Amino acid sequence: MTLQKRKSKSSRLSRRPKPSRGSTNKARPRKAAKEVALAEVKDDLSKYLRLAVDEEIVITRHGRPAGILIGFGSEEDWFEYRLEHHPEFLRRIEEARVALRAGRGIPLRDVR
C-alpha cells in the first residue's frame, strides 16, 4: 500500500493580494474566537494562520482550550503586538502614567 501525497488546500487561497508594506488591518474588527482541535490545526496550519489574521483561533486539546493562534496582517501589526506585550515597555508606560498623575509631566508646548 502506498500513501498518496495530499494536495494542500492552502495554495488556492494564497493567491489573494498581499497587503502593502506598512498597512494595518485596524479598520477590520476581529471576530469572536474560533475553537479548533489541535489535530485540525496540525493538518492545515497555513489555513489557520490566514484565518487568525481576522479572528483569534483557540486551539483545543481533548475539547479544552490549550493555546491561541494570533495572526498578523503586516509586519507593522507584528511590531505593535511585540510592543504591547513587552514587559520593559509596559513597565515604562506605567511609570510615565504614574508620573503624569503625580504632576511630574512635561507639557507638550514645552517639548516643541
PDB file of N, CA and C in Angstrom:
ATOM      1  N   MET A   1       0.852  -1.172   0.000  1.00  0.00           N
ATOM      2  CA  MET A   1       0.000   0.000   0.000  1.00  0.00           C
ATOM      3  C   MET A   1       0.897   1.236   0.000  1.00  0.00           C
ATOM      4  N   THR A   2       0.645   2.140  -0.899  1.00  0.00           N
ATOM      5  CA  THR A   2       1.420   3.387  -0.950  1.00  0.00           C
ATOM      6  C   THR A   2       0.536   4.543  -0.523  1.00  0.00           C
ATOM      7  N   LEU A   3       1.145   5.495   0.111  1.00  0.00           N
ATOM      8  CA  LEU A   3       0.419   6.684   0.551  1.00  0.00           C
ATOM      9  C   LEU A   3       0.465   7.736  -0.545  1.00  0.00           C
ATOM     10  N   GLN A   4      -0.688   8.316  -0.826  1.00  0.00           N
ATOM     11  CA  GLN A   4      -0.737   9.380  -1.818  1.00  0.00           C
ATOM     12  C   GLN A   4      -0.455  10.711  -1.134  1.00  0.00           C
ATOM     13  N   LYS A   5       0.276  11.546  -1.831  1.00  0.00           N
ATOM     14  CA  LYS A   5       0.561  12.875  -1.291  1.00  0.00           C
ATOM     15  C   LYS A   5      -0.708  13.714  -1.365  1.00  0.00           C
ATOM     16  N   ARG A   6      -1.037  14.316  -0.257  1.00  0.00           N
ATOM     17  CA  ARG A   6      -2.250  15.123  -0.178  1.00  0.00           C
ATOM     18  C   ARG A   6      -1.977  16.522  -0.713  1.00  0.00           C
ATOM     19  N   LYS A   7      -2.863  17.020  -1.572  1.00  0.00           N
ATOM     20  CA  LYS A   7      -2.718  18.375  -2.100  1.00  0.00           C
ATOM     21  C   LYS A   7      -3.049  19.377  -1.010  1.00  0.00           C
ATOM     22  N   SER A   8      -2.292  20.438  -0.968  1.00  0.00           N
ATOM     23  CA  SER A   8      -2.516  21.476   0.023  1.00  0.00           C
ATOM     24  C   SER A   8      -3.752  22.278  -0.338  1.00  0.00           C
ATOM     25  N   LYS A   9      -4.613  22.477   0.649  1.00  0.00           N
ATOM     26  CA  LYS A   9      -5.805  23.299   0.441  1.00  0.00           C
ATOM     27  C   LYS A   9      -5.444  24.780   0.449  1.00  0.00           C
ATOM     28  N   SER A  10      -4.284  25.088   1.000  1.00  0.00           N
ATOM     29  CA  SER A  10      -3.936  26.493   1.182  1.00  0.00           C
ATOM     30  C   SER A  10      -3.434  27.169  -0.089  1.00  0.00           C
ATOM     31  N   SER A  11      -2.987  26.401  -1.069  1.00  0.00           N
ATOM     32  CA  SER A  11      -2.381  27.020  -2.253  1.00  0.00           C
ATOM     33  C   SER A  11      -3.344  27.921  -3.009  1.00  0.00           C
ATOM     34  N   ARG A  12      -4.587  27.518  -3.111  1.00  0.00           N
ATOM     35  CA  ARG A  12      -5.539  28.351  -3.853  1.00  0.00           C
ATOM     36  C   ARG A  12      -5.896  29.624  -3.104  1.00  0.00           C
ATOM     37  N   LEU A  13      -5.811  29.596  -1.776  1.00  0.00           N
ATOM     38  CA  LEU A  13      -6.137  30.782  -1.000  1.00  0.00           C
ATOM     39  C   LEU A  13      -4.972  31.752  -0.913  1.00  0.00           C
ATOM     40  N   SER A  14      -3.769  31.254  -1.163  1.00  0.00           N
ATOM     41  CA  SER A  14      -2.604  32.116  -1.021  1.00  0.00           C
ATOM     42  C   SER A  14      -2.421  33.060  -2.198  1.00  0.00           C
ATOM     43  N   ARG A  15      -3.294  33.000  -3.172  1.00  0.00           N
ATOM     44  CA  ARG A  15      -3.172  33.863  -4.351  1.00  0.00           C
ATOM     45  C   ARG A  15      -3.812  35.227  -4.167  1.00  0.00           C
ATOM     46  N   ARG A  16      -4.454  35.445  -3.024  1.00  0.00           N
ATOM     47  CA  ARG A  16      -5.077  36.751  -2.823  1.00  0.00           C
ATOM     48  C   ARG A  16      -4.002  37.816  -2.659  1.00  0.00           C
ATOM     49  N   PRO A  17      -4.303  39.067  -2.972  1.00  0.00           N
ATOM     50  CA  PRO A  17      -3.290  40.123  -2.906  1.00  0.00           C
ATOM     51  C   PRO A  17      -2.789  40.314  -1.479  1.00  0.00           C
ATOM     52  N   LYS A  18      -1.505  40.572  -1.381  1.00  0.00           N
ATOM     53  CA  LYS A  18      -0.873  40.815  -0.091  1.00  0.00           C
ATOM     54  C   LYS A  18      -1.048  42.281   0.282  1.00  0.00           C
ATOM     55  N   PRO A  19      -1.197  42.587   1.588  1.00  0.00           N
ATOM     56  CA  PRO A  19      -1.296  43.998   1.974  1.00  0.00           C
ATOM     57  C   PRO A  19       0.024  44.704   1.723  1.00  0.00           C
ATOM     58  N   SER A  20      -0.060  45.978   1.397  1.00  0.00           N
ATOM     59  CA  SER A  20       1.168  46.722   1.144  1.00  0.00           C
ATOM     60  C   SER A  20       1.939  46.883   2.444  1.00  0.00           C
ATOM     61  N   ARG A  21       3.234  47.023   2.313  1.00  0.00           N
ATOM     62  CA  ARG A  21       4.108  47.135   3.481  1.00  0.00           C
ATOM     63  C   ARG A  21       3.705  48.349   4.312  1.00  0.00           C
ATOM     64  N   GLY A  22       3.563  48.127   5.599  1.00  0.00           N
ATOM     65  CA  GLY A  22       3.218  49.222   6.489  1.00  0.00           C
ATOM     66  C   GLY A  22       1.722  49.432   6.655  1.00  0.00           C
ATOM     67  N   SER A  23       0.914  48.699   5.894  1.00  0.00           N
ATOM     68  CA  SER A  23      -0.526  48.863   6.044  1.00  0.00           C
ATOM     69  C   SER A  23      -0.980  48.106   7.284  1.00  0.00           C
ATOM     70  N   THR A  24      -2.086  48.547   7.842  1.00  0.00           N
ATOM     71  CA  THR A  24      -2.619  47.862   9.009  1.00  0.00           C
ATOM     72  C   THR A  24      -4.042  47.437   8.734  1.00  0.00           C
ATOM     73  N   ASN A  25      -4.499  46.484   9.499  1.00  0.00           N
ATOM     74  CA  ASN A  25      -5.857  45.982   9.358  1.00  0.00           C
ATOM     75  C   ASN A  25      -6.729  46.477  10.511  1.00  0.00           C
ATOM     76  N   LYS A  26      -6.419  47.639  11.049  1.00  0.00           N
ATOM     77  CA  LYS A  26      -7.150  48.148  12.196  1.00  0.00           C
ATOM     78  C   LYS A  26      -8.606  48.472  11.859  1.00  0.00           C
ATOM     79  N   ALA A  27      -8.897  48.730  10.605  1.00  0.00           N
ATOM     80  CA  ALA A  27     -10.263  49.073  10.222  1.00  0.00           C
ATOM     81  C   ALA A  27     -11.197  47.878  10.351  1.00  0.00           C
ATOM     82  N   ARG A  28     -10.634  46.668  10.264  1.00  0.00           N
ATOM     83  CA  ARG A  28     -11.455  45.471  10.372  1.00  0.00           C
ATOM     84  C   ARG A  28     -11.461  44.981  11.813  1.00  0.00           C
ATOM     85  N   PRO A  29     -12.623  44.963  12.456  1.00  0.00           N
ATOM     86  CA  PRO A  29     -12.665  44.450  13.820  1.00  0.00           C
ATOM     87  C   PRO A  29     -12.469  42.931  13.820  1.00  0.00           C
ATOM     88  N   ARG A  30     -11.831  42.427  14.871  1.00  0.00           N
ATOM     89  CA  ARG A  30     -11.621  40.990  14.996  1.00  0.00           C
ATOM     90  C   ARG A  30     -12.934  40.313  15.350  1.00  0.00           C
ATOM     91  N   LYS A  31     -13.147  39.152  14.789  1.00  0.00           N
ATOM     92  CA  LYS A  31     -14.332  38.360  15.102  1.00  0.00           C
ATOM     93  C   LYS A  31     -14.113  37.667  16.441  1.00  0.00           C
ATOM     94  N   ALA A  32     -15.162  37.044  16.942  1.00  0.00           N
ATOM     95  CA  ALA A  32     -15.047  36.262  18.169  1.00  0.00           C
ATOM     96  C   ALA A  32     -14.102  35.090  17.917  1.00  0.00           C
ATOM     97  N   ALA A  33     -13.520  34.575  18.979  1.00  0.00           N
ATOM     98  CA  ALA A  33     -12.566  33.475  18.853  1.00  0.00           C
ATOM     99  C   ALA A  33     -13.244  32.224  18.292  1.00  0.00           C
ATOM    100  N   LYS A  34     -12.502  31.508  17.479  1.00  0.00           N
ATOM    101  CA  LYS A  34     -12.984  30.268  16.877  1.00  0.00           C
ATOM    102  C   LYS A  34     -12.211  29.117  17.514  1.00  0.00           C
ATOM    103  N   GLU A  35     -12.906  28.082  17.964  1.00  0.00           N
ATOM    104  CA  GLU A  35     -12.246  26.933  18.572  1.00  0.00           C
ATOM    105  C   GLU A  35     -11.985  25.863  17.519  1.00  0.00           C
ATOM    106  N   VAL A  36     -10.742  25.368  17.500  1.00  0.00           N
ATOM    107  CA  VAL A  36     -10.348  24.353  16.532  1.00  0.00           C
ATOM    108  C   VAL A  36      -9.503  23.304  17.260  1.00  0.00           C
ATOM    109  N   ALA A  37      -9.750  22.045  16.958  1.00  0.00           N
ATOM    110  CA  ALA A  37      -8.987  20.955  17.572  1.00  0.00           C
ATOM    111  C   ALA A  37      -7.539  20.995  17.095  1.00  0.00           C
ATOM    112  N   LEU A  38      -6.624  20.631  17.973  1.00  0.00           N
ATOM    113  CA  LEU A  38      -5.202  20.626  17.663  1.00  0.00           C
ATOM    114  C   LEU A  38      -4.901  19.797  16.422  1.00  0.00           C
ATOM    115  N   ALA A  39      -5.551  18.660  16.265  1.00  0.00           N
ATOM    116  CA  ALA A  39      -5.310  17.800  15.100  1.00  0.00           C
ATOM    117  C   ALA A  39      -5.631  18.523  13.803  1.00  0.00           C
ATOM    118  N   GLU A  40      -6.714  19.309  13.798  1.00  0.00           N
ATOM    119  CA  GLU A  40      -7.073  20.067  12.588  1.00  0.00           C
ATOM    120  C   GLU A  40      -6.032  21.134  12.277  1.00  0.00           C
ATOM    121  N   VAL A  41      -5.569  21.826  13.306  1.00  0.00           N
ATOM    122  CA  VAL A  41      -4.569  22.875  13.108  1.00  0.00           C
ATOM    123  C   VAL A  41      -3.284  22.266  12.568  1.00  0.00           C
ATOM    124  N   LYS A  42      -2.888  21.127  13.111  1.00  0.00           N
ATOM    125  CA  LYS A  42      -1.668  20.469  12.647  1.00  0.00           C
ATOM    126  C   LYS A  42      -1.787  20.042  11.185  1.00  0.00           C
ATOM    127  N   ASP A  43      -2.981  19.644  10.768  1.00  0.00           N
ATOM    128  CA  ASP A  43      -3.183  19.197   9.381  1.00  0.00           C
ATOM    129  C   ASP A  43      -3.117  20.341   8.377  1.00  0.00           C
ATOM    130  N   ASP A  44      -3.500  21.535   8.773  1.00  0.00           N
ATOM    131  CA  ASP A  44      -3.546  22.652   7.822  1.00  0.00           C
ATOM    132  C   ASP A  44      -3.206  23.975   8.514  1.00  0.00           C
ATOM    133  N   LEU A  45      -1.999  24.063   9.037  1.00  0.00           N
ATOM    134  CA  LEU A  45      -1.582  25.238   9.795  1.00  0.00           C
ATOM    135  C   LEU A  45      -1.657  26.515   8.971  1.00  0.00           C
ATOM    136  N   SER A  46      -1.245  26.469   7.717  1.00  0.00           N
ATOM    137  CA  SER A  46      -1.244  27.701   6.909  1.00  0.00           C
ATOM    138  C   SER A  46      -2.659  28.278   6.763  1.00  0.00           C
ATOM    139  N   LYS A  47      -3.646  27.423   6.650  1.00  0.00           N
ATOM    140  CA  LYS A  47      -5.034  27.884   6.559  1.00  0.00           C
ATOM    141  C   LYS A  47      -5.428  28.631   7.835  1.00  0.00           C
ATOM    142  N   TYR A  48      -5.080  28.061   8.980  1.00  0.00           N
ATOM    143  CA  TYR A  48      -5.469  28.678  10.241  1.00  0.00           C
ATOM    144  C   TYR A  48      -4.664  29.945  10.536  1.00  0.00           C
ATOM    145  N   LEU A  49      -3.438  30.024  10.047  1.00  0.00           N
ATOM    146  CA  LEU A  49      -2.684  31.273  10.178  1.00  0.00           C
ATOM    147  C   LEU A  49      -3.366  32.398   9.408  1.00  0.00           C
ATOM    148  N   ARG A  50      -3.865  32.089   8.217  1.00  0.00           N
ATOM    149  CA  ARG A  50      -4.586  33.105   7.436  1.00  0.00           C
ATOM    150  C   ARG A  50      -5.873  33.511   8.144  1.00  0.00           C
ATOM    151  N   LEU A  51      -6.604  32.542   8.676  1.00  0.00           N
ATOM    152  CA  LEU A  51      -7.838  32.867   9.384  1.00  0.00           C
ATOM    153  C   LEU A  51      -7.561  33.693  10.639  1.00  0.00           C
ATOM    154  N   ALA A  52      -6.425  33.445  11.271  1.00  0.00           N
ATOM    155  CA  ALA A  52      -6.083  34.121  12.526  1.00  0.00           C
ATOM    156  C   ALA A  52      -5.798  35.609  12.338  1.00  0.00           C
ATOM    157  N   VAL A  53      -5.613  36.057  11.107  1.00  0.00           N
ATOM    158  CA  VAL A  53      -5.423  37.491  10.863  1.00  0.00           C
ATOM    159  C   VAL A  53      -6.698  38.246  11.249  1.00  0.00           C
ATOM    160  N   ASP A  54      -7.854  37.639  11.009  1.00  0.00           N
ATOM    161  CA  ASP A  54      -9.130  38.294  11.267  1.00  0.00           C
ATOM    162  C   ASP A  54      -9.815  37.851  12.555  1.00  0.00           C
ATOM    163  N   GLU A  55      -9.439  36.684  13.075  1.00  0.00           N
ATOM    164  CA  GLU A  55     -10.066  36.186  14.295  1.00  0.00           C
ATOM    165  C   GLU A  55      -9.079  35.322  15.065  1.00  0.00           C
ATOM    166  N   GLU A  56      -9.181  35.364  16.378  1.00  0.00           N
ATOM    167  CA  GLU A  56      -8.317  34.527  17.193  1.00  0.00           C
ATOM    168  C   GLU A  56      -8.767  33.078  17.067  1.00  0.00           C
ATOM    169  N   ILE A  57      -7.800  32.197  16.982  1.00  0.00           N
ATOM    170  CA  ILE A  57      -8.085  30.772  16.883  1.00  0.00           C
ATOM    171  C   ILE A  57      -7.683  30.130  18.206  1.00  0.00           C
ATOM    172  N   VAL A  58      -8.661  29.613  18.943  1.00  0.00           N
ATOM    173  CA  VAL A  58      -8.379  28.902  20.182  1.00  0.00           C
ATOM    174  C   VAL A  58      -8.142  27.448  19.820  1.00  0.00           C
ATOM    175  N   ILE A  59      -6.957  26.951  20.141  1.00  0.00           N
ATOM    176  CA  ILE A  59      -6.599  25.571  19.832  1.00  0.00           C
ATOM    177  C   ILE A  59      -6.972  24.721  21.037  1.00  0.00           C
ATOM    178  N   THR A  60      -7.749  23.680  20.789  1.00  0.00           N
ATOM    179  CA  THR A  60      -8.196  22.823  21.880  1.00  0.00           C
ATOM    180  C   THR A  60      -7.493  21.476  21.829  1.00  0.00           C
ATOM    181  N   ARG A  61      -7.277  20.917  22.997  1.00  0.00           N
ATOM    182  CA  ARG A  61      -6.732  19.565  23.126  1.00  0.00           C
ATOM    183  C   ARG A  61      -7.730  18.796  23.982  1.00  0.00           C
ATOM    184  N   HIS A  62      -8.292  17.756  23.427  1.00  0.00           N
ATOM    185  CA  HIS A  62      -9.317  16.952  24.118  1.00  0.00           C
ATOM    186  C   HIS A  62     -10.499  17.822  24.541  1.00  0.00           C
ATOM    187  N   GLY A  63     -10.853  18.798  23.686  1.00  0.00           N
ATOM    188  CA  GLY A  63     -12.007  19.645  23.927  1.00  0.00           C
ATOM    189  C   GLY A  63     -11.781  20.806  24.878  1.00  0.00           C
ATOM    190  N   ARG A  64     -10.569  20.918  25.414  1.00  0.00           N
ATOM    191  CA  ARG A  64     -10.270  22.002  26.350  1.00  0.00           C
ATOM    192  C   ARG A  64      -9.283  22.985  25.722  1.00  0.00           C
ATOM    193  N   PRO A  65      -9.456  24.282  25.985  1.00  0.00           N
ATOM    194  CA  PRO A  65      -8.514  25.271  25.428  1.00  0.00           C
ATOM    195  C   PRO A  65      -7.077  24.953  25.849  1.00  0.00           C
ATOM    196  N   ALA A  66      -6.166  24.950  24.863  1.00  0.00           N
ATOM    197  CA  ALA A  66      -4.764  24.638  25.131  1.00  0.00           C
ATOM    198  C   ALA A  66      -3.833  25.749  24.662  1.00  0.00           C
ATOM    199  N   GLY A  67      -4.291  26.590  23.765  1.00  0.00           N
ATOM    200  CA  GLY A  67      -3.457  27.658  23.245  1.00  0.00           C
ATOM    201  C   GLY A  67      -4.262  28.551  22.339  1.00  0.00           C
ATOM    202  N   ILE A  68      -3.605  29.579  21.853  1.00  0.00           N
ATOM    203  CA  ILE A  68      -4.291  30.517  20.967  1.00  0.00           C
ATOM    204  C   ILE A  68      -3.368  30.875  19.810  1.00  0.00           C
ATOM    205  N   LEU A  69      -3.942  31.000  18.646  1.00  0.00           N
ATOM    206  CA  LEU A  69      -3.191  31.353  17.448  1.00  0.00           C
ATOM    207  C   LEU A  69      -3.620  32.757  17.042  1.00  0.00           C
ATOM    208  N   ILE A  70      -2.663  33.657  16.962  1.00  0.00           N
ATOM    209  CA  ILE A  70      -2.943  35.044  16.605  1.00  0.00           C
ATOM    210  C   ILE A  70      -2.177  35.345  15.325  1.00  0.00           C
ATOM    211  N   GLY A  71      -2.871  35.798  14.294  1.00  0.00           N
ATOM    212  CA  GLY A  71      -2.231  36.110  13.021  1.00  0.00           C
ATOM    213  C   GLY A  71      -1.979  37.602  12.881  1.00  0.00           C
ATOM    214  N   PHE A  72      -1.035  37.953  12.022  1.00  0.00           N
ATOM    215  CA  PHE A  72      -0.698  39.349  11.768  1.00  0.00           C
ATOM    216  C   PHE A  72      -0.837  39.628  10.284  1.00  0.00           C
ATOM    217  N   GLY A  73      -1.522  40.725   9.957  1.00  0.00           N
ATOM    218  CA  GLY A  73      -1.735  41.091   8.571  1.00  0.00           C
ATOM    219  C   GLY A  73      -0.540  41.784   7.937  1.00  0.00           C
ATOM    220  N   SER A  74       0.358  42.302   8.766  1.00  0.00           N
ATOM    221  CA  SER A  74       1.523  43.017   8.245  1.00  0.00           C
ATOM    222  C   SER A  74       2.642  42.967   9.273  1.00  0.00           C
ATOM    223  N   GLU A  75       3.819  43.390   8.858  1.00  0.00           N
ATOM    224  CA  GLU A  75       4.954  43.470   9.786  1.00  0.00           C
ATOM    225  C   GLU A  75       4.682  44.503  10.868  1.00  0.00           C
ATOM    226  N   GLU A  76       3.966  45.559  10.518  1.00  0.00           N
ATOM    227  CA  GLU A  76       3.633  46.588  11.500  1.00  0.00           C
ATOM    228  C   GLU A  76       2.740  46.015  12.599  1.00  0.00           C
ATOM    229  N   ASP A  77       1.789  45.166  12.235  1.00  0.00           N
ATOM    230  CA  ASP A  77       0.935  44.521  13.232  1.00  0.00           C
ATOM    231  C   ASP A  77       1.779  43.666  14.178  1.00  0.00           C
ATOM    232  N   TRP A  78       2.752  42.946  13.621  1.00  0.00           N
ATOM    233  CA  TRP A  78       3.645  42.110  14.427  1.00  0.00           C
ATOM    234  C   TRP A  78       4.459  42.982  15.376  1.00  0.00           C
ATOM    235  N   PHE A  79       4.985  44.108  14.887  1.00  0.00           N
ATOM    236  CA  PHE A  79       5.768  45.021  15.714  1.00  0.00           C
ATOM    237  C   PHE A  79       4.914  45.569  16.862  1.00  0.00           C
ATOM    238  N   GLU A  80       3.685  45.998  16.560  1.00  0.00           N
ATOM    239  CA  GLU A  80       2.795  46.529  17.583  1.00  0.00           C
ATOM    240  C   GLU A  80       2.469  45.478  18.631  1.00  0.00           C
ATOM    241  N   TYR A  81       2.248  44.254  18.201  1.00  0.00           N
ATOM    242  CA  TYR A  81       1.957  43.168  19.138  1.00  0.00           C
ATOM    243  C   TYR A  81       3.137  42.960  20.090  1.00  0.00           C
ATOM    244  N   ARG A  82       4.349  42.963  19.535  1.00  0.00           N
ATOM    245  CA  ARG A  82       5.543  42.778  20.373  1.00  0.00           C
ATOM    246  C   ARG A  82       5.664  43.904  21.387  1.00  0.00           C
ATOM    247  N   LEU A  83       5.419  45.149  20.964  1.00  0.00           N
ATOM    248  CA  LEU A  83       5.482  46.270  21.902  1.00  0.00           C
ATOM    249  C   LEU A  83       4.439  46.136  23.004  1.00  0.00           C
ATOM    250  N   GLU A  84       3.223  45.811  22.616  1.00  0.00           N
ATOM    251  CA  GLU A  84       2.129  45.718  23.578  1.00  0.00           C
ATOM    252  C   GLU A  84       2.339  44.610  24.601  1.00  0.00           C
ATOM    253  N   HIS A  85       3.201  43.654  24.317  1.00  0.00           N
ATOM    254  CA  HIS A  85       3.424  42.527  25.222  1.00  0.00           C
ATOM    255  C   HIS A  85       4.845  42.478  25.766  1.00  0.00           C
ATOM    256  N   HIS A  86       5.618  43.540  25.558  1.00  0.00           N
ATOM    257  CA  HIS A  86       6.999  43.578  26.038  1.00  0.00           C
ATOM    258  C   HIS A  86       7.004  44.104  27.469  1.00  0.00           C
ATOM    259  N   PRO A  87       7.498  43.317  28.438  1.00  0.00           N
ATOM    260  CA  PRO A  87       7.416  43.727  29.845  1.00  0.00           C
ATOM    261  C   PRO A  87       8.122  45.052  30.153  1.00  0.00           C
ATOM    262  N   GLU A  88       9.276  45.301  29.578  1.00  0.00           N
ATOM    263  CA  GLU A  88      10.010  46.544  29.844  1.00  0.00           C
ATOM    264  C   GLU A  88       9.240  47.745  29.296  1.00  0.00           C
ATOM    265  N   PHE A  89       8.688  47.613  28.102  1.00  0.00           N
ATOM    266  CA  PHE A  89       7.903  48.703  27.515  1.00  0.00           C
ATOM    267  C   PHE A  89       6.680  49.002  28.378  1.00  0.00           C
ATOM    268  N   LEU A  90       5.980  47.953  28.812  1.00  0.00           N
ATOM    269  CA  LEU A  90       4.790  48.132  29.642  1.00  0.00           C
ATOM    270  C   LEU A  90       5.145  48.779  30.983  1.00  0.00           C
ATOM    271  N   ARG A  91       6.288  48.395  31.546  1.00  0.00           N
ATOM    272  CA  ARG A  91       6.738  48.982  32.816  1.00  0.00           C
ATOM    273  C   ARG A  91       7.001  50.480  32.645  1.00  0.00           C
ATOM    274  N   ARG A  92       7.650  50.857  31.555  1.00  0.00           N
ATOM    275  CA  ARG A  92       7.962  52.269  31.320  1.00  0.00           C
ATOM    276  C   ARG A  92       6.693  53.088  31.081  1.00  0.00           C
ATOM    277  N   ILE A  93       5.740  52.524  30.388  1.00  0.00           N
ATOM    278  CA  ILE A  93       4.459  53.217  30.164  1.00  0.00           C
ATOM    279  C   ILE A  93       3.767  53.454  31.507  1.00  0.00           C
ATOM    280  N   GLU A  94       3.735  52.439  32.357  1.00  0.00           N
ATOM    281  CA  GLU A  94       3.091  52.586  33.667  1.00  0.00           C
ATOM    282  C   GLU A  94       3.807  53.638  34.518  1.00  0.00           C
ATOM    283  N   GLU A  95       5.138  53.647  34.490  1.00  0.00           N
ATOM    284  CA  GLU A  95       5.896  54.664  35.221  1.00  0.00           C
ATOM    285  C   GLU A  95       5.536  56.069  34.731  1.00  0.00           C
ATOM    286  N   ALA A  96       5.419  56.228  33.427  1.00  0.00           N
ATOM    287  CA  ALA A  96       5.069  57.538  32.855  1.00  0.00           C
ATOM    288  C   ALA A  96       3.663  57.953  33.279  1.00  0.00           C
ATOM    289  N   ARG A  97       2.733  57.013  33.307  1.00  0.00           N
ATOM    290  CA  ARG A  97       1.368  57.342  33.723  1.00  0.00           C
ATOM    291  C   ARG A  97       1.327  57.762  35.189  1.00  0.00           C
ATOM    292  N   VAL A  98       2.062  57.051  36.029  1.00  0.00           N
ATOM    293  CA  VAL A  98       2.121  57.407  37.455  1.00  0.00           C
ATOM    294  C   VAL A  98       2.709  58.808  37.620  1.00  0.00           C
ATOM    295  N   ALA A  99       3.784  59.106  36.879  1.00  0.00           N
ATOM    296  CA  ALA A  99       4.418  60.418  36.953  1.00  0.00           C
ATOM    297  C   ALA A  99       3.458  61.512  36.503  1.00  0.00           C
ATOM    298  N   LEU A 100       2.701  61.269  35.444  1.00  0.00           N
ATOM    299  CA  LEU A 100       1.743  62.270  34.960  1.00  0.00           C
ATOM    300  C   LEU A 100       0.646  62.516  35.987  1.00  0.00           C
ATOM    301  N   ARG A 101       0.157  61.440  36.600  1.00  0.00           N
ATOM    302  CA  ARG A 101      -0.888  61.605  37.621  1.00  0.00           C
ATOM    303  C   ARG A 101      -0.360  62.382  38.830  1.00  0.00           C
ATOM    304  N   ALA A 102       0.931  62.255  39.093  1.00  0.00           N
ATOM    305  CA  ALA A 102       1.539  62.959  40.227  1.00  0.00           C
ATOM    306  C   ALA A 102       1.959  64.385  39.852  1.00  0.00           C
ATOM    307  N   GLY A 103       1.707  64.786  38.604  1.00  0.00           N
ATOM    308  CA  GLY A 103       2.029  66.138  38.167  1.00  0.00           C
ATOM    309  C   GLY A 103       3.474  66.339  37.781  1.00  0.00           C
ATOM    310  N   ARG A 104       4.198  65.252  37.498  1.00  0.00           N
ATOM    311  CA  ARG A 104       5.601  65.361  37.136  1.00  0.00           C
ATOM    312  C   ARG A 104       5.823  65.234  35.615  1.00  0.00           C
ATOM    313  N   GLY A 105       4.851  65.620  34.835  1.00  0.00           N
ATOM    314  CA  GLY A 105       4.996  65.543  33.385  1.00  0.00           C
ATOM    315  C   GLY A 105       5.502  66.845  32.798  1.00  0.00           C
ATOM    316  N   ILE A 106       5.886  66.800  31.525  1.00  0.00           N
ATOM    317  CA  ILE A 106       6.319  67.997  30.816  1.00  0.00           C
ATOM    318  C   ILE A 106       5.205  68.348  29.828  1.00  0.00           C
ATOM    319  N   PRO A 107       4.695  69.576  29.892  1.00  0.00           N
ATOM    320  CA  PRO A 107       3.650  69.974  28.951  1.00  0.00           C
ATOM    321  C   PRO A 107       4.135  69.869  27.494  1.00  0.00           C
ATOM    322  N   LEU A 108       3.257  69.496  26.614  1.00  0.00           N
ATOM    323  CA  LEU A 108       3.607  69.329  25.201  1.00  0.00           C
ATOM    324  C   LEU A 108       4.151  70.623  24.614  1.00  0.00           C
ATOM    325  N   ARG A 109       3.622  71.766  25.009  1.00  0.00           N
ATOM    326  CA  ARG A 109       4.112  73.046  24.465  1.00  0.00           C
ATOM    327  C   ARG A 109       5.580  73.286  24.820  1.00  0.00           C
ATOM    328  N   ASP A 110       6.059  72.708  25.939  1.00  0.00           N
ATOM    329  CA  ASP A 110       7.458  72.865  26.327  1.00  0.00           C
ATOM    330  C   ASP A 110       8.378  71.910  25.579  1.00  0.00           C
ATOM    331  N   VAL A 111       7.830  70.885  24.989  1.00  0.00           N
ATOM    332  CA  VAL A 111       8.635  69.910  24.258  1.00  0.00           C
ATOM    333  C   VAL A 111       9.025  70.458  22.892  1.00  0.00           C
ATOM    334  N   ARG A 112       8.182  71.223  22.298  1.00  0.00           N
ATOM    335  CA  ARG A 112       8.421  71.759  20.964  1.00  0.00           C
ATOM    336  C   ARG A 112       9.410  72.815  21.008  1.00  0.00           C
TER     337      ARG A 112
END
